[in-house]
Amino acid sequence: MGSKTALLSVFNKEGIVPFARALIALGYDLLSSGGTAKKLQEAGVPVRDIGEIVGTPIMGERVKTLSRQIHAGLLSRDTPEDAEELARIGMPRIDLVCVDLYPLEQAISKPDATLESVIEMTDIGGPTMLRSAAKGGRIVICDPSDRNDYVIWEHAGRPNEKDFVRQLAAKAEFTIAQYCLMSANYLGQGQYAGVVGSRVPWLAEGFKGENGPQSPAFLYNTGAADSDPLALRHFKLVAGAAPSYNNLCDLDRLLQTATHLAAGFESNGWGRQNIALGVKHGNCCGASAAPESGAGQVALMRMLEGDPRAIFGGVVMVNFIITAEIARLLLTHSMLGTQRRILDTVIAPGFDEEAIDRLQRKEGRCRLFVNPALSTLDAPSLDCERLFRPVRGGFLVQPNYTFVFRFGLEGVQEFGALTKEQAQELMLAWGVGCTSNSNTITLVRNSMLIGNGVGQQDRVSAAELAIKRAKDAGHNTRGAVAYSDSFFPFDDGPKKLINEGVSAILTTSGSIRDKDTIRACQDAGVTLVMIPDSVGRGFFRH
């Protein structure tokens, strides 16, 4: 018999048999309950059913581990008095607990879920054992991924034991907090909300905040990160210094734009595109999409040509592999003479070794991130998690922005005819504009962003800024298309665009003066596409 006791009680039995055998090899006696005990016995693993100590389950097996004997075994102190009392009730001291929880999230998400079915799948015994074990200073394993780490730690001689045990206890409390928040949100029908996160390990020491006095900053995972391949935790830094708060904000904004563009082109039947984006302060200053049949160079060059001045020192994201040739273009295309472009961050599905060598800067000032999931962006890639925004004294919550514009959507009105090229350019303008700070008007020509008039307090100023940025970058606006993230309250905004030669405009309807906008476009021979503001408004990060 071993000198230590482990209690195993898991809903998901996968991997529990080899772990149980590893525990026996480490000198543990095993206690288990119900289905877990049966699974181990069938595999020939020596185990004692906890029911032999605490009695058979009651209340239709709803009460199995909610026993004072079990919790005495978990909470007892290492004193002669507690040892004597445990002996009196016939309960060994429990040194390790391996427990997972009923899958409450799955129960809630079922289409036919009812209050009764959710309550039936709400675990009580598991969280109670985990909390008792954590309070009692026991080894608490609530995540299957920690089982092998524990065995390795034992074989290594239990280094840093207090810290190791404390971190496992903290993880158990965190898991329970997530679980309870989920239950409260469901039972309260939205009355209660919150977010619980765990610090991303590779950024555990913190990083530079938005401004110096706001350091250190941290990145935390929520439960959604486990199932989302585009969650920031899945981006691997392959070169360069640790990212800052601003870098990660830019990365997140780029994901919004890239996924909306991928979803928009797919939803309109145009297939996958090579997408190249560049941002400064969260807003696109370069963007292009080209058919995936190419190698990415076309999209990249157009993106860089959009605003060569603004992209300098910016953040770039593409959905194709960066080769040595593409790296060369990133640094030199549209640059004068032998000048090289400086970039802060480049994000891609992958880099070849020569590309990494070319893009690296002194002191790690160019960060290179890899995430293979970028190569398969499509409509399901959109972020569907609720958005939380801190405000003084609380936080705001709203659904994420997942609207995707499609020319065949109900309510879309077209005044005039679009060529396929114009329609695709409007899609590019929409994807950029609806993920830029409003008010926004976005200009696209030759399948590239030429002017993004973002963050303006009125729509005329947004139009003027988009035009100015295009001209400052040396572009001709004649024949360009424009997107406005909400309706024009007057016809002065459209007339600004028309006077600069814009050939098509995508906007929303809902102004009492929509007829003036329609008339101005028709009189000038400009194709106008409108979608109801209540459906397609593109305000972002208000």
Protein backbone atom coordinates (compact mmCIF):
# COMPACT_ATOMS: atom_id res chain seq x y z
CA MET A 1 0.00 0.00 0.00
CA GLY A 2 1.16 3.53 -0.73
CA SER A 3 1.65 6.21 1.87
CA LYS A 4 -0.32 8.82 -0.09
CA THR A 5 -3.92 8.93 -1.30
CA ALA A 6 -5.31 10.41 -4.51
CA LEU A 7 -8.99 10.98 -5.24
CA LEU A 8 -10.00 10.73 -8.91
CA SER A 9 -13.45 11.82 -10.07
CA VAL A 10 -13.75 12.91 -13.70
CA PHE A 11 -16.58 13.40 -16.19
CA ASN A 12 -14.29 12.99 -19.22
CA LYS A 13 -12.57 9.64 -18.74
CA GLU A 14 -10.07 10.10 -21.59
CA GLY A 15 -6.51 9.65 -20.32
CA ILE A 16 -7.51 8.86 -16.75
CA VAL A 17 -6.27 5.23 -16.82
CA PRO A 18 -2.61 6.00 -17.69
CA PHE A 19 -2.62 8.85 -15.17
CA ALA A 20 -3.96 6.54 -12.47
CA ARG A 21 -1.21 4.04 -13.23
CA ALA A 22 1.39 6.81 -13.02
CA LEU A 23 0.04 7.79 -9.60
CA ILE A 24 0.31 4.21 -8.36
CA ALA A 25 3.91 4.14 -9.56
CA LEU A 26 4.48 7.27 -7.47
CA GLY A 27 3.20 5.49 -4.36
CA TYR A 28 -0.43 6.57 -4.26
CA ASP A 29 -3.45 4.62 -3.13
CA LEU A 30 -6.45 5.50 -5.29
CA LEU A 31 -9.95 6.48 -4.26
CA SER A 32 -12.59 7.09 -6.88
CA SER A 33 -16.31 7.48 -7.35
CA GLY A 34 -18.98 6.03 -9.60
CA GLY A 35 -18.11 5.92 -13.28
CA THR A 36 -14.45 6.78 -12.73
CA ALA A 37 -14.02 3.87 -10.32
CA LYS A 38 -15.71 1.56 -12.80
CA LYS A 39 -13.46 2.73 -15.64
CA LEU A 40 -10.33 2.10 -13.58
CA GLN A 41 -11.53 -1.30 -12.34
CA GLU A 42 -12.30 -2.41 -15.90
CA ALA A 43 -8.73 -1.46 -16.85
CA GLY A 44 -7.34 -3.50 -13.98
CA VAL A 45 -6.18 -0.49 -11.96
CA PRO A 46 -6.32 -1.04 -8.17
CA VAL A 47 -8.82 1.47 -6.81
CA ARG A 48 -11.17 1.77 -3.86
CA ASP A 49 -14.66 3.09 -4.45
CA ILE A 50 -15.25 6.08 -2.20
CA GLY A 51 -18.71 4.71 -1.52
CA GLU A 52 -17.12 2.08 0.74
CA ILE A 53 -16.22 4.92 3.11
CA VAL A 54 -19.00 7.48 2.72
CA GLY A 55 -21.86 5.19 1.74
CA THR A 56 -23.73 4.72 -1.50
CA PRO A 57 -24.88 7.74 -3.54
CA ILE A 58 -28.31 9.16 -2.72
CA MET A 59 -30.87 11.38 -4.43
CA GLY A 60 -30.57 9.52 -7.73
CA GLU A 61 -26.77 9.76 -7.57
CA ARG A 62 -26.99 13.56 -7.31
CA VAL A 63 -25.18 13.36 -3.96
CA LYS A 64 -22.01 11.27 -4.16
CA THR A 65 -18.96 13.25 -3.12
CA LEU A 66 -20.75 15.86 -1.00
CA SER A 67 -19.67 14.11 2.16
CA ARG A 68 -18.11 15.42 5.36
CA GLN A 69 -15.66 12.50 5.33
CA ILE A 70 -14.29 13.47 1.91
CA HIS A 71 -13.93 17.10 2.86
CA ALA A 72 -12.32 16.14 6.14
CA GLY A 73 -9.76 14.23 4.09
CA LEU A 74 -9.16 17.33 1.98
CA LEU A 75 -9.14 19.98 4.71
CA SER A 76 -7.36 18.15 7.52
CA ARG A 77 -4.17 19.74 8.81
CA ASP A 78 -0.90 17.92 9.30
CA THR A 79 -1.39 17.55 13.05
CA PRO A 80 -1.74 14.53 15.36
CA GLU A 81 -5.21 15.70 16.36
CA ASP A 82 -6.51 15.82 12.78
CA ALA A 83 -4.85 12.50 11.95
CA GLU A 84 -6.55 10.93 14.95
CA GLU A 85 -9.93 12.29 13.93
CA LEU A 86 -9.52 11.03 10.36
CA ALA A 87 -8.71 7.58 11.72
CA ARG A 88 -11.80 7.69 13.89
CA ILE A 89 -14.09 8.30 10.90
CA GLY A 90 -12.19 5.82 8.72
CA MET A 91 -11.02 8.40 6.20
CA PRO A 92 -7.46 8.70 4.85
CA ARG A 93 -5.87 12.07 4.31
CA ILE A 94 -6.28 12.93 0.62
CA ASP A 95 -3.06 14.34 -0.85
CA LEU A 96 -4.09 14.82 -4.47
CA VAL A 97 -7.38 15.50 -6.22
CA CYS A 98 -7.96 15.03 -9.95
CA VAL A 99 -11.40 16.39 -10.78
CA ASP A 100 -13.00 17.91 -13.85
CA LEU A 101 -16.44 19.48 -14.08
CA TYR A 102 -19.66 18.63 -15.87
CA PRO A 103 -19.63 20.38 -19.29
CA LEU A 104 -21.99 23.21 -18.39
CA GLU A 105 -21.11 25.31 -21.44
CA GLN A 106 -22.13 22.48 -23.76
CA ALA A 107 -25.38 22.01 -21.86
CA ILE A 108 -26.23 25.71 -22.15
CA SER A 109 -25.36 25.91 -25.85
CA LYS A 110 -27.59 23.02 -26.91
CA PRO A 111 -30.47 24.19 -29.13
CA ASP A 112 -32.97 22.25 -27.01
CA ALA A 113 -31.52 23.32 -23.65
CA THR A 114 -34.02 23.87 -20.85
CA LEU A 115 -33.63 25.18 -17.33
CA GLU A 116 -34.03 21.63 -16.05
CA SER A 117 -31.42 20.16 -18.42
CA VAL A 118 -28.90 22.88 -17.57
CA ILE A 119 -29.39 22.50 -13.83
CA GLU A 120 -28.97 18.74 -14.17
CA MET A 121 -25.56 19.35 -15.79
CA THR A 122 -24.47 21.93 -13.22
CA ASP A 123 -21.69 20.38 -11.15
CA ILE A 124 -21.75 20.88 -7.38
CA GLY A 125 -19.57 18.09 -6.02
CA GLY A 126 -16.65 18.80 -8.37
CA PRO A 127 -16.26 22.51 -7.55
CA THR A 128 -16.71 21.77 -3.86
CA MET A 129 -13.92 19.20 -3.86
CA LEU A 130 -11.63 21.48 -5.86
CA ARG A 131 -12.12 24.36 -3.44
CA SER A 132 -11.63 22.18 -0.38
CA ALA A 133 -8.47 20.72 -1.88
CA ALA A 134 -7.16 24.19 -2.75
CA LYS A 135 -7.86 25.50 0.74
CA GLY A 136 -6.31 22.39 2.27
CA GLY A 137 -3.05 22.91 0.37
CA ARG A 138 -3.46 19.69 -1.60
CA ILE A 139 -2.29 19.04 -5.14
CA VAL A 140 -5.28 20.03 -7.28
CA ILE A 141 -5.51 18.90 -10.90
CA CYS A 142 -8.55 20.23 -12.73
CA ASP A 143 -7.05 20.42 -16.24
CA PRO A 144 -6.05 17.21 -18.07
CA SER A 145 -3.07 19.05 -19.57
CA ASP A 146 -1.58 19.37 -16.08
CA ARG A 147 -1.48 15.63 -15.39
CA ASN A 148 1.73 14.89 -17.25
CA ASP A 149 3.32 18.08 -15.90
CA TYR A 150 2.60 16.85 -12.38
CA VAL A 151 4.22 13.45 -13.02
CA ILE A 152 7.29 15.14 -14.51
CA TRP A 153 7.48 17.45 -11.48
CA GLU A 154 7.38 14.48 -9.11
CA HIS A 155 10.18 12.71 -10.98
CA ALA A 156 12.22 15.93 -10.88
CA GLY A 157 12.14 15.87 -7.07
CA ARG A 158 9.27 18.35 -6.49
CA PRO A 159 11.18 21.58 -7.19
CA ASN A 160 9.65 24.84 -5.89
CA GLU A 161 6.91 22.83 -4.21
CA LYS A 162 5.04 25.69 -2.52
CA ASP A 163 4.80 27.69 -5.74
CA PHE A 164 3.82 24.64 -7.81
CA VAL A 165 1.00 23.68 -5.43
CA ARG A 166 -0.16 27.29 -5.15
CA GLN A 167 -0.39 27.72 -8.93
CA LEU A 168 -2.47 24.56 -9.27
CA ALA A 169 -4.78 25.82 -6.51
CA ALA A 170 -5.10 29.18 -8.27
CA LYS A 171 -5.99 27.44 -11.53
CA ALA A 172 -8.70 25.46 -9.74
CA GLU A 173 -10.19 28.64 -8.25
CA PHE A 174 -10.03 30.31 -11.68
CA THR A 175 -11.79 27.34 -13.30
CA ILE A 176 -14.54 27.47 -10.69
CA ALA A 177 -14.91 31.24 -11.13
CA GLN A 178 -15.46 30.75 -14.87
CA TYR A 179 -17.94 27.99 -14.16
CA CYS A 180 -19.93 30.00 -11.61
CA LEU A 181 -19.99 33.09 -13.83
CA MET A 182 -21.37 30.99 -16.68
CA SER A 183 -24.09 29.59 -14.43
CA ALA A 184 -25.00 33.01 -13.01
CA ASN A 185 -25.23 34.50 -16.49
CA TYR A 186 -27.53 31.71 -17.66
CA LEU A 187 -29.76 31.62 -14.58
CA GLY A 188 -29.95 35.41 -14.42
CA GLN A 189 -30.83 35.64 -18.13
CA GLY A 190 -28.17 38.27 -18.68
CA GLN A 191 -28.59 40.06 -15.35
CA TYR A 192 -25.00 39.18 -14.47
CA ALA A 193 -21.99 39.41 -16.75
CA GLY A 194 -18.25 39.49 -16.48
CA VAL A 195 -15.04 38.17 -17.88
CA VAL A 196 -12.42 36.00 -16.21
CA GLY A 197 -9.01 35.56 -17.80
CA SER A 198 -5.72 33.78 -17.33
CA ARG A 199 -2.44 35.49 -18.13
CA VAL A 200 -0.78 34.41 -21.38
CA PRO A 201 2.35 32.50 -20.28
CA TRP A 202 4.80 33.85 -22.84
CA LEU A 203 3.89 37.40 -21.82
CA ALA A 204 3.66 36.66 -18.11
CA GLU A 205 6.22 39.31 -17.13
CA GLY A 206 4.13 42.07 -18.67
CA PHE A 207 4.95 44.53 -21.43
CA LYS A 208 4.92 48.21 -22.26
CA GLY A 209 1.53 49.87 -21.86
CA GLU A 210 -0.12 52.35 -24.19
CA ASN A 211 2.05 55.04 -22.59
CA GLY A 212 5.06 54.67 -20.32
CA PRO A 213 3.25 55.37 -17.00
CA GLN A 214 0.67 52.68 -17.91
CA SER A 215 3.21 49.87 -17.76
CA PRO A 216 3.25 46.99 -17.19
CA ALA A 217 0.37 45.72 -19.32
CA PHE A 218 -0.77 42.10 -19.60
CA LEU A 219 -2.65 39.88 -22.03
CA TYR A 220 -5.23 37.52 -20.56
CA ASN A 221 -7.00 34.58 -22.17
CA THR A 222 -10.69 33.94 -21.78
CA GLY A 223 -12.27 30.54 -22.31
CA ALA A 224 -12.92 31.47 -25.95
CA ALA A 225 -9.19 31.36 -26.68
CA ASP A 226 -9.17 27.57 -26.38
CA SER A 227 -11.44 27.07 -29.40
CA ASP A 228 -10.49 30.12 -31.47
CA PRO A 229 -7.36 29.59 -33.63
CA LEU A 230 -7.16 33.35 -34.20
CA ALA A 231 -7.12 34.26 -30.51
CA LEU A 232 -4.07 36.39 -29.78
CA ARG A 233 -2.51 33.70 -27.60
CA HIS A 234 -2.08 31.55 -30.74
CA PHE A 235 0.13 34.08 -32.50
CA LYS A 236 3.75 33.01 -32.13
CA LEU A 237 6.50 35.62 -31.95
CA VAL A 238 9.29 34.22 -34.17
CA ALA A 239 11.54 37.28 -34.18
CA GLY A 240 11.80 40.65 -32.50
CA ALA A 241 11.22 42.10 -29.06
CA ALA A 242 8.16 41.42 -26.92
CA PRO A 243 5.09 43.25 -28.23
CA SER A 244 3.59 46.28 -26.53
CA TYR A 245 -0.02 47.00 -25.65
CA ASN A 246 -0.26 49.08 -28.84
CA ASN A 247 1.15 46.27 -30.99
CA LEU A 248 -1.46 43.82 -29.73
CA CYS A 249 -4.27 46.36 -30.20
CA ASP A 250 -3.15 46.82 -33.81
CA LEU A 251 -3.03 43.05 -34.30
CA ASP A 252 -6.58 42.73 -33.00
CA ARG A 253 -7.83 45.53 -35.25
CA LEU A 254 -6.14 43.96 -38.26
CA LEU A 255 -7.91 40.70 -37.52
CA GLN A 256 -11.27 42.49 -37.61
CA THR A 257 -10.50 43.98 -41.01
CA ALA A 258 -8.98 40.83 -42.50
CA THR A 259 -11.81 38.56 -41.37
CA HIS A 260 -14.50 40.96 -42.60
CA LEU A 261 -12.82 41.21 -45.98
CA ALA A 262 -12.46 37.44 -46.26
CA ALA A 263 -16.10 36.96 -45.26
CA GLY A 264 -17.29 39.68 -47.64
CA PHE A 265 -15.52 38.33 -50.71
CA GLU A 266 -16.63 34.79 -49.90
CA SER A 267 -20.27 35.79 -49.25
CA ASN A 268 -20.45 37.58 -52.59
CA GLY A 269 -19.16 34.54 -54.47
CA TRP A 270 -15.72 35.88 -55.36
CA GLY A 271 -13.73 33.20 -53.58
CA ARG A 272 -10.60 33.47 -51.49
CA GLN A 273 -8.38 36.50 -51.90
CA ASN A 274 -4.80 37.35 -51.07
CA ILE A 275 -5.26 40.09 -48.48
CA ALA A 276 -2.58 42.60 -47.48
CA LEU A 277 -3.25 45.22 -44.81
CA GLY A 278 -1.23 47.94 -43.11
CA VAL A 279 -2.31 49.94 -40.07
CA LYS A 280 -1.18 52.85 -37.96
CA HIS A 281 -2.97 53.48 -34.66
CA GLY A 282 -5.53 50.80 -35.44
CA ASN A 283 -6.78 52.24 -38.74
CA CYS A 284 -5.84 50.97 -42.19
CA CYS A 285 -3.47 53.15 -44.19
CA GLY A 286 -2.95 50.46 -46.81
CA ALA A 287 -5.15 47.61 -48.02
CA SER A 288 -5.61 45.42 -51.05
CA ALA A 289 -7.18 42.14 -52.06
CA ALA A 290 -6.24 40.12 -55.14
CA PRO A 291 -7.30 36.66 -56.37
CA GLU A 292 -5.66 33.85 -54.43
CA SER A 293 -4.30 32.36 -57.67
CA GLY A 294 -1.44 34.87 -57.42
CA ALA A 295 1.49 34.62 -55.03
CA GLY A 296 0.58 37.63 -52.93
CA GLN A 297 2.96 40.14 -54.53
CA VAL A 298 0.18 42.04 -56.30
CA ALA A 299 -1.86 42.57 -53.14
CA LEU A 300 1.25 43.49 -51.17
CA MET A 301 2.51 46.06 -53.67
CA ARG A 302 -0.90 47.72 -53.93
CA MET A 303 -1.16 47.89 -50.16
CA LEU A 304 2.25 49.58 -49.91
CA GLU A 305 1.43 52.02 -52.73
CA GLY A 306 -1.75 53.18 -50.98
CA ASP A 307 0.05 55.54 -48.60
CA PRO A 308 3.84 55.01 -48.61
CA ARG A 309 4.34 57.73 -46.01
CA ALA A 310 1.80 56.44 -43.49
CA ILE A 311 2.84 52.79 -43.72
CA PHE A 312 6.37 53.73 -42.65
CA GLY A 313 6.78 52.32 -39.13
CA GLY A 314 3.43 50.55 -39.37
CA VAL A 315 2.04 47.09 -38.75
CA VAL A 316 1.39 44.74 -41.68
CA MET A 317 -0.79 41.63 -41.84
CA VAL A 318 -1.12 39.25 -44.80
CA ASN A 319 -2.89 35.91 -45.25
CA PHE A 320 -0.13 34.32 -47.35
CA ILE A 321 3.38 33.04 -46.66
CA ILE A 322 6.10 35.69 -46.65
CA THR A 323 8.96 34.56 -48.84
CA ALA A 324 12.31 36.25 -49.28
CA GLU A 325 10.97 38.07 -52.35
CA ILE A 326 7.90 39.34 -50.51
CA ALA A 327 10.13 40.44 -47.63
CA ARG A 328 12.23 42.38 -50.14
CA LEU A 329 9.12 44.10 -51.47
CA LEU A 330 7.99 44.97 -47.95
CA LEU A 331 11.25 46.80 -47.37
CA THR A 332 11.86 48.41 -50.76
CA HIS A 333 8.72 48.68 -52.92
CA SER A 334 7.82 52.34 -53.61
CA MET A 335 10.92 53.51 -51.73
CA LEU A 336 13.35 55.95 -53.31
CA GLY A 337 16.78 54.72 -54.34
CA THR A 338 18.37 52.45 -51.77
CA GLN A 339 16.10 53.51 -48.90
CA ARG A 340 14.51 50.70 -46.89
CA ARG A 341 11.10 50.84 -45.29
CA ILE A 342 10.96 50.50 -41.51
CA LEU A 343 8.14 48.35 -40.17
CA ASP A 344 7.18 47.78 -36.55
CA THR A 345 5.41 44.44 -36.90
CA VAL A 346 4.67 41.91 -39.66
CA ILE A 347 2.04 39.20 -39.16
CA ALA A 348 1.58 36.24 -41.51
CA PRO A 349 0.70 32.53 -41.66
CA GLY A 350 4.43 31.84 -41.99
CA PHE A 351 7.85 33.16 -43.01
CA ASP A 352 10.71 31.39 -44.71
CA GLU A 353 14.11 31.68 -43.03
CA GLU A 354 15.53 34.18 -45.50
CA ALA A 355 12.46 36.40 -45.07
CA ILE A 356 13.00 36.45 -41.30
CA ASP A 357 16.64 37.39 -41.78
CA ARG A 358 15.71 40.23 -44.14
CA LEU A 359 12.98 41.71 -41.96
CA GLN A 360 14.75 41.67 -38.60
CA ARG A 361 15.99 45.00 -37.24
CA LYS A 362 18.49 45.94 -34.58
CA GLU A 363 17.35 45.45 -30.98
CA GLY A 364 14.36 43.42 -32.18
CA ARG A 365 12.47 46.47 -33.38
CA CYS A 366 10.58 44.55 -36.06
CA ARG A 367 8.33 41.92 -34.53
CA LEU A 368 7.36 38.94 -36.65
CA PHE A 369 4.24 36.98 -35.68
CA VAL A 370 3.08 33.68 -37.16
CA ASN A 371 -0.36 32.10 -37.07
CA PRO A 372 -1.11 29.43 -39.72
CA ALA A 373 -4.87 30.05 -39.29
CA LEU A 374 -4.47 33.30 -41.24
CA SER A 375 -4.11 31.28 -44.44
CA THR A 376 -7.67 29.93 -44.19
CA LEU A 377 -9.68 33.05 -43.36
CA ASP A 378 -13.37 32.75 -44.24
CA ALA A 379 -16.79 33.76 -42.93
CA PRO A 380 -16.60 31.53 -39.81
CA SER A 381 -13.35 33.32 -38.90
CA LEU A 382 -15.30 36.36 -37.71
CA ASP A 383 -15.00 37.03 -33.99
CA CYS A 384 -18.41 36.28 -32.46
CA GLU A 385 -17.49 36.82 -28.80
CA ARG A 386 -19.29 39.58 -26.92
CA LEU A 387 -17.46 42.89 -26.66
CA PHE A 388 -16.68 44.30 -23.22
CA ARG A 389 -15.68 47.93 -22.81
CA PRO A 390 -14.70 49.38 -19.45
CA VAL A 391 -16.45 52.59 -18.44
CA ARG A 392 -16.18 54.43 -15.18
CA GLY A 393 -17.81 52.30 -12.51
CA GLY A 394 -18.54 49.30 -14.73
CA PHE A 395 -18.44 48.04 -18.28
CA LEU A 396 -20.54 48.00 -21.42
CA VAL A 397 -21.40 44.76 -23.20
CA GLN A 398 -22.64 44.29 -26.75
CA PRO A 399 -22.57 41.60 -29.45
CA ASN A 400 -19.51 41.72 -31.68
CA TYR A 401 -19.65 43.38 -35.09
CA THR A 402 -20.30 40.43 -37.38
CA PHE A 403 -22.34 42.06 -40.14
CA VAL A 404 -21.13 41.14 -43.64
CA PHE A 405 -22.29 43.23 -46.58
CA ARG A 406 -23.64 41.34 -49.57
CA PHE A 407 -25.02 42.95 -52.70
CA GLY A 408 -27.99 40.59 -52.74
CA LEU A 409 -29.07 41.35 -49.17
CA GLU A 410 -32.70 42.23 -48.60
CA GLY A 411 -33.13 45.98 -48.43
CA VAL A 412 -30.09 46.83 -50.57
CA GLN A 413 -30.94 49.43 -53.22
CA GLU A 414 -28.80 50.05 -56.28
CA PHE A 415 -29.21 53.26 -58.25
CA GLY A 416 -27.26 52.58 -61.43
CA ALA A 417 -25.21 49.61 -62.57
CA LEU A 418 -21.93 48.38 -61.11
CA THR A 419 -19.16 46.61 -62.95
CA LYS A 420 -17.68 43.57 -61.23
CA GLU A 421 -14.50 45.56 -60.61
CA GLN A 422 -16.46 48.37 -58.94
CA ALA A 423 -18.38 45.90 -56.79
CA GLN A 424 -15.18 44.23 -55.61
CA GLU A 425 -13.57 47.59 -54.90
CA LEU A 426 -16.62 48.63 -52.89
CA MET A 427 -16.22 45.42 -50.90
CA LEU A 428 -12.62 46.35 -50.13
CA ALA A 429 -13.69 49.86 -49.14
CA TRP A 430 -16.46 48.45 -46.93
CA GLY A 431 -14.14 45.99 -45.15
CA VAL A 432 -11.67 48.75 -44.35
CA GLY A 433 -14.17 51.48 -43.54
CA CYS A 434 -16.47 49.47 -41.28
CA THR A 435 -13.49 48.47 -39.11
CA SER A 436 -12.01 51.99 -38.88
CA ASN A 437 -12.84 54.61 -36.26
CA SER A 438 -16.06 56.36 -37.26
CA ASN A 439 -17.01 58.68 -38.84
CA THR A 440 -15.25 57.19 -41.84
CA ILE A 441 -15.24 57.59 -45.58
CA THR A 442 -12.95 55.23 -47.47
CA LEU A 443 -11.67 55.56 -51.04
CA VAL A 444 -10.49 52.64 -53.18
CA ARG A 445 -9.11 52.69 -56.71
CA ASN A 446 -7.35 50.00 -58.74
CA SER A 447 -8.18 47.48 -56.00
CA MET A 448 -6.23 49.34 -53.34
CA LEU A 449 -7.00 51.71 -50.51
CA ILE A 450 -5.99 55.23 -51.55
CA GLY A 451 -7.58 57.33 -48.79
CA ASN A 452 -9.11 56.52 -45.40
CA GLY A 453 -10.82 59.51 -43.80
CA VAL A 454 -11.27 58.20 -40.26
CA GLY A 455 -12.39 59.52 -36.89
CA GLN A 456 -14.11 62.70 -38.06
CA GLN A 457 -16.95 64.50 -36.31
CA ASP A 458 -18.88 65.13 -39.53
CA ARG A 459 -19.19 63.29 -42.80
CA VAL A 460 -18.04 66.16 -45.02
CA SER A 461 -14.77 66.34 -43.10
CA ALA A 462 -14.40 62.57 -43.45
CA ALA A 463 -14.81 62.93 -47.23
CA GLU A 464 -12.35 65.82 -47.34
CA LEU A 465 -9.79 63.89 -45.31
CA ALA A 466 -10.09 60.79 -47.51
CA ILE A 467 -9.61 62.93 -50.61
CA LYS A 468 -6.66 64.79 -49.08
CA ARG A 469 -4.91 61.59 -48.02
CA ALA A 470 -5.37 60.15 -51.51
CA LYS A 471 -3.95 63.25 -53.19
CA ASP A 472 -1.10 63.58 -50.69
CA ALA A 473 -0.11 60.02 -51.63
CA GLY A 474 -0.12 60.97 -55.32
CA HIS A 475 -3.33 59.22 -56.33
CA ASN A 476 -5.89 60.28 -58.90
CA THR A 477 -9.36 59.96 -57.38
CA ARG A 478 -11.14 59.91 -60.73
CA GLY A 479 -12.86 56.54 -61.10
CA ALA A 480 -12.41 55.64 -57.42
CA VAL A 481 -15.22 54.14 -55.33
CA ALA A 482 -16.21 55.33 -51.86
CA TYR A 483 -17.72 53.79 -48.74
CA SER A 484 -19.42 55.78 -45.98
CA ASP A 485 -20.00 54.01 -42.66
CA SER A 486 -23.38 55.71 -42.19
CA PHE A 487 -25.85 57.81 -44.15
CA PHE A 488 -25.18 61.29 -45.47
CA PRO A 489 -27.38 63.79 -43.58
CA PHE A 490 -27.07 66.21 -46.49
CA ASP A 491 -25.89 65.97 -50.08
CA ASP A 492 -22.74 68.03 -49.42
CA GLY A 493 -20.70 64.91 -48.59
CA PRO A 494 -21.65 63.03 -51.77
CA LYS A 495 -21.04 66.16 -53.84
CA LYS A 496 -17.50 66.43 -52.43
CA LEU A 497 -16.85 62.88 -53.64
CA ILE A 498 -18.60 63.41 -56.97
CA ASN A 499 -16.55 66.54 -57.68
CA GLU A 500 -13.39 64.46 -57.24
CA GLY A 501 -14.51 61.94 -59.86
CA VAL A 502 -15.77 59.12 -57.62
CA SER A 503 -17.71 56.64 -59.77
CA ALA A 504 -19.64 54.64 -57.16
CA ILE A 505 -20.65 55.07 -53.51
CA LEU A 506 -21.76 52.51 -50.92
CA THR A 507 -23.55 54.00 -47.94
CA THR A 508 -26.55 53.45 -45.69
CA SER A 509 -30.03 54.88 -46.00
CA GLY A 510 -31.98 56.46 -43.18
CA SER A 511 -31.56 60.20 -43.56
CA ILE A 512 -34.63 62.34 -44.12
CA ARG A 513 -32.66 63.74 -47.05
CA ASP A 514 -31.77 60.44 -48.72
CA LYS A 515 -33.55 61.66 -51.84
CA ASP A 516 -31.07 64.53 -52.13
CA THR A 517 -28.16 62.08 -52.03
CA ILE A 518 -29.84 59.83 -54.61
CA ARG A 519 -30.56 62.78 -56.90
CA ALA A 520 -27.01 64.15 -56.65
CA CYS A 521 -25.56 60.78 -57.64
CA GLN A 522 -28.02 60.17 -60.45
CA ASP A 523 -27.48 63.64 -61.90
CA ALA A 524 -23.71 62.98 -61.95
CA GLY A 525 -23.98 59.44 -63.33
CA VAL A 526 -22.51 57.99 -60.12
CA THR A 527 -23.76 54.57 -59.08
CA LEU A 528 -25.18 54.60 -55.54
CA VAL A 529 -25.68 51.52 -53.36
CA MET A 530 -27.64 51.89 -50.12
CA ILE A 531 -28.47 49.54 -47.28
CA PRO A 532 -30.73 50.50 -44.35
CA ASP A 533 -28.72 52.10 -41.57
CA SER A 534 -30.42 49.84 -39.04
CA VAL A 535 -28.91 46.84 -40.81
CA GLY A 536 -25.59 47.93 -42.24
CA ARG A 537 -24.22 50.87 -40.28
CA GLY A 538 -20.48 50.51 -39.81
CA PHE A 539 -19.64 52.47 -36.66
CA PHE A 540 -16.59 50.92 -35.01
CA ARG A 541 -14.80 51.54 -31.70
CA HIS A 542 -17.00 54.56 -31.01
